Amino acid sequence: MPWRDELKKDHEERIRETLWRSRSTIESPQGPTVTVAGTEYLNFCSNDYLGLANHPQLISAAVDAIERCGTGSGASHLVCGHFDEHQQL
């Protein structure tokens, strides 16, 4: 059996056995609840343990940092250095 047919067969089998994983698109900010496909769910899988992901002061600080430094460092710290904020941490 050609490899593409084999892959298709395996894929269909996983779907049939409900083993095929799919990603959900979250339509709300992270928090104790999230909205997916218009339905609100309790969020038991967030890494936002302290509830700081949507804190207004942190959002403001992040926006200020992006306006000053952009959205990326360009490469690893060892290759191109890091920002003063990183050094202070």
C-alpha atoms as a PDB file:
ATOM      1  CA  MET A   1       0.000   0.000   0.000  1.00  0.00           C
ATOM      2  CA  PRO A   2       1.441   3.420  -0.937  1.00  0.00           C
ATOM      3  CA  TRP A   3       2.521   5.487   2.070  1.00  0.00           C
ATOM      4  CA  ARG A   4      -0.079   8.211   1.431  1.00  0.00           C
ATOM      5  CA  ASP A   5      -2.877   5.647   1.510  1.00  0.00           C
ATOM      6  CA  GLU A   6      -1.385   4.190   4.688  1.00  0.00           C
ATOM      7  CA  LEU A   7      -1.332   7.639   6.318  1.00  0.00           C
ATOM      8  CA  LYS A   8      -4.908   8.325   5.252  1.00  0.00           C
ATOM      9  CA  LYS A   9      -6.029   4.966   6.645  1.00  0.00           C
ATOM     10  CA  ASP A  10      -4.242   5.617   9.965  1.00  0.00           C
ATOM     11  CA  HIS A  11      -5.743   9.103  10.166  1.00  0.00           C
ATOM     12  CA  GLU A  12      -9.269   7.838   9.541  1.00  0.00           C
ATOM     13  CA  GLU A  13      -8.772   5.097  12.124  1.00  0.00           C
ATOM     14  CA  ARG A  14      -7.651   7.574  14.773  1.00  0.00           C
ATOM     15  CA  ILE A  15     -10.691   9.749  14.077  1.00  0.00           C
ATOM     16  CA  ARG A  16     -13.000   6.717  14.312  1.00  0.00           C
ATOM     17  CA  GLU A  17     -11.463   5.715  17.643  1.00  0.00           C
ATOM     18  CA  THR A  18     -11.646   9.333  18.922  1.00  0.00           C
ATOM     19  CA  LEU A  19      -7.847   9.399  19.249  1.00  0.00           C
ATOM     20  CA  TRP A  20      -7.337  12.283  16.827  1.00  0.00           C
ATOM     21  CA  ARG A  21      -6.407  15.410  18.733  1.00  0.00           C
ATOM     22  CA  SER A  22      -7.528  18.835  17.599  1.00  0.00           C
ATOM     23  CA  ARG A  23      -6.833  22.318  18.891  1.00  0.00           C
ATOM     24  CA  SER A  24      -9.506  24.602  20.270  1.00  0.00           C
ATOM     25  CA  THR A  25      -9.520  28.299  19.459  1.00  0.00           C
ATOM     26  CA  ILE A  26     -10.029  30.380  22.579  1.00  0.00           C
ATOM     27  CA  GLU A  27     -12.197  33.446  21.976  1.00  0.00           C
ATOM     28  CA  SER A  28     -11.581  35.184  25.311  1.00  0.00           C
ATOM     29  CA  PRO A  29      -8.674  36.197  27.522  1.00  0.00           C
ATOM     30  CA  GLN A  30      -7.204  33.539  29.818  1.00  0.00           C
ATOM     31  CA  GLY A  31      -8.857  33.464  33.209  1.00  0.00           C
ATOM     32  CA  PRO A  32     -10.911  31.200  35.461  1.00  0.00           C
ATOM     33  CA  THR A  33     -13.200  30.713  32.465  1.00  0.00           C
ATOM     34  CA  VAL A  34     -12.568  30.779  28.714  1.00  0.00           C
ATOM     35  CA  THR A  35     -14.914  30.953  25.756  1.00  0.00           C
ATOM     36  CA  VAL A  36     -14.593  28.345  23.002  1.00  0.00           C
ATOM     37  CA  ALA A  37     -17.008  28.260  20.055  1.00  0.00           C
ATOM     38  CA  GLY A  38     -19.319  30.667  21.866  1.00  0.00           C
ATOM     39  CA  THR A  39     -19.545  28.549  25.022  1.00  0.00           C
ATOM     40  CA  GLU A  40     -17.977  29.484  28.353  1.00  0.00           C
ATOM     41  CA  TYR A  41     -15.972  26.758  30.125  1.00  0.00           C
ATOM     42  CA  LEU A  42     -14.148  26.534  33.425  1.00  0.00           C
ATOM     43  CA  ASN A  43     -10.436  26.749  32.658  1.00  0.00           C
ATOM     44  CA  PHE A  44      -8.543  24.021  34.507  1.00  0.00           C
ATOM     45  CA  CYS A  45      -5.487  24.059  32.219  1.00  0.00           C
ATOM     46  CA  SER A  46      -4.118  27.595  32.461  1.00  0.00           C
ATOM     47  CA  ASN A  47      -0.589  28.391  33.631  1.00  0.00           C
ATOM     48  CA  ASP A  48      -1.919  31.689  34.989  1.00  0.00           C
ATOM     49  CA  TYR A  49      -1.816  30.415  38.580  1.00  0.00           C
ATOM     50  CA  LEU A  50      -1.728  33.876  40.116  1.00  0.00           C
ATOM     51  CA  GLY A  51      -4.339  35.406  37.826  1.00  0.00           C
ATOM     52  CA  LEU A  52      -1.896  37.995  36.488  1.00  0.00           C
ATOM     53  CA  ALA A  53      -2.273  37.387  32.736  1.00  0.00           C
ATOM     54  CA  ASN A  54      -4.878  40.141  32.406  1.00  0.00           C
ATOM     55  CA  HIS A  55      -3.761  42.446  35.216  1.00  0.00           C
ATOM     56  CA  PRO A  56      -4.015  46.045  33.920  1.00  0.00           C
ATOM     57  CA  GLN A  57      -0.584  47.099  35.266  1.00  0.00           C
ATOM     58  CA  LEU A  58       1.143  44.127  33.635  1.00  0.00           C
ATOM     59  CA  ILE A  59      -0.618  44.740  30.332  1.00  0.00           C
ATOM     60  CA  SER A  60       0.453  48.399  30.470  1.00  0.00           C
ATOM     61  CA  ALA A  61       4.067  47.443  31.294  1.00  0.00           C
ATOM     62  CA  ALA A  62       4.117  44.946  28.414  1.00  0.00           C
ATOM     63  CA  VAL A  63       2.773  47.542  25.959  1.00  0.00           C
ATOM     64  CA  ASP A  64       5.407  50.049  27.142  1.00  0.00           C
ATOM     65  CA  ALA A  65       8.178  47.456  26.690  1.00  0.00           C
ATOM     66  CA  ILE A  66       6.945  46.553  23.199  1.00  0.00           C
ATOM     67  CA  GLU A  67       6.867  50.221  22.194  1.00  0.00           C
ATOM     68  CA  ARG A  68      10.474  50.665  23.418  1.00  0.00           C
ATOM     69  CA  CYS A  69      12.034  47.360  22.364  1.00  0.00           C
ATOM     70  CA  GLY A  70       9.792  45.714  19.789  1.00  0.00           C
ATOM     71  CA  THR A  71       8.377  42.204  20.047  1.00  0.00           C
ATOM     72  CA  GLY A  72      11.458  40.023  19.873  1.00  0.00           C
ATOM     73  CA  SER A  73      15.093  39.813  20.839  1.00  0.00           C
ATOM     74  CA  GLY A  74      16.328  38.635  17.433  1.00  0.00           C
ATOM     75  CA  ALA A  75      18.319  35.660  18.697  1.00  0.00           C
ATOM     76  CA  SER A  76      19.468  33.970  21.883  1.00  0.00           C
ATOM     77  CA  HIS A  77      20.904  36.040  24.725  1.00  0.00           C
ATOM     78  CA  LEU A  78      24.372  34.586  24.118  1.00  0.00           C
ATOM     79  CA  VAL A  79      24.354  35.587  20.448  1.00  0.00           C
ATOM     80  CA  CYS A  80      22.952  39.121  20.522  1.00  0.00           C
ATOM     81  CA  GLY A  81      22.709  40.058  24.193  1.00  0.00           C
ATOM     82  CA  HIS A  82      19.601  40.896  26.132  1.00  0.00           C
ATOM     83  CA  PHE A  83      17.685  43.939  27.286  1.00  0.00           C
ATOM     84  CA  ASP A  84      18.334  45.879  30.471  1.00  0.00           C
ATOM     85  CA  GLU A  85      15.006  44.584  31.858  1.00  0.00           C
ATOM     86  CA  HIS A  86      16.337  41.037  31.597  1.00  0.00           C
ATOM     87  CA  GLN A  87      19.577  42.028  33.315  1.00  0.00           C
ATOM     88  CA  GLN A  88      17.642  43.661  36.148  1.00  0.00           C
ATOM     89  CA  LEU A  89      15.620  40.482  36.660  1.00  0.00           C
END
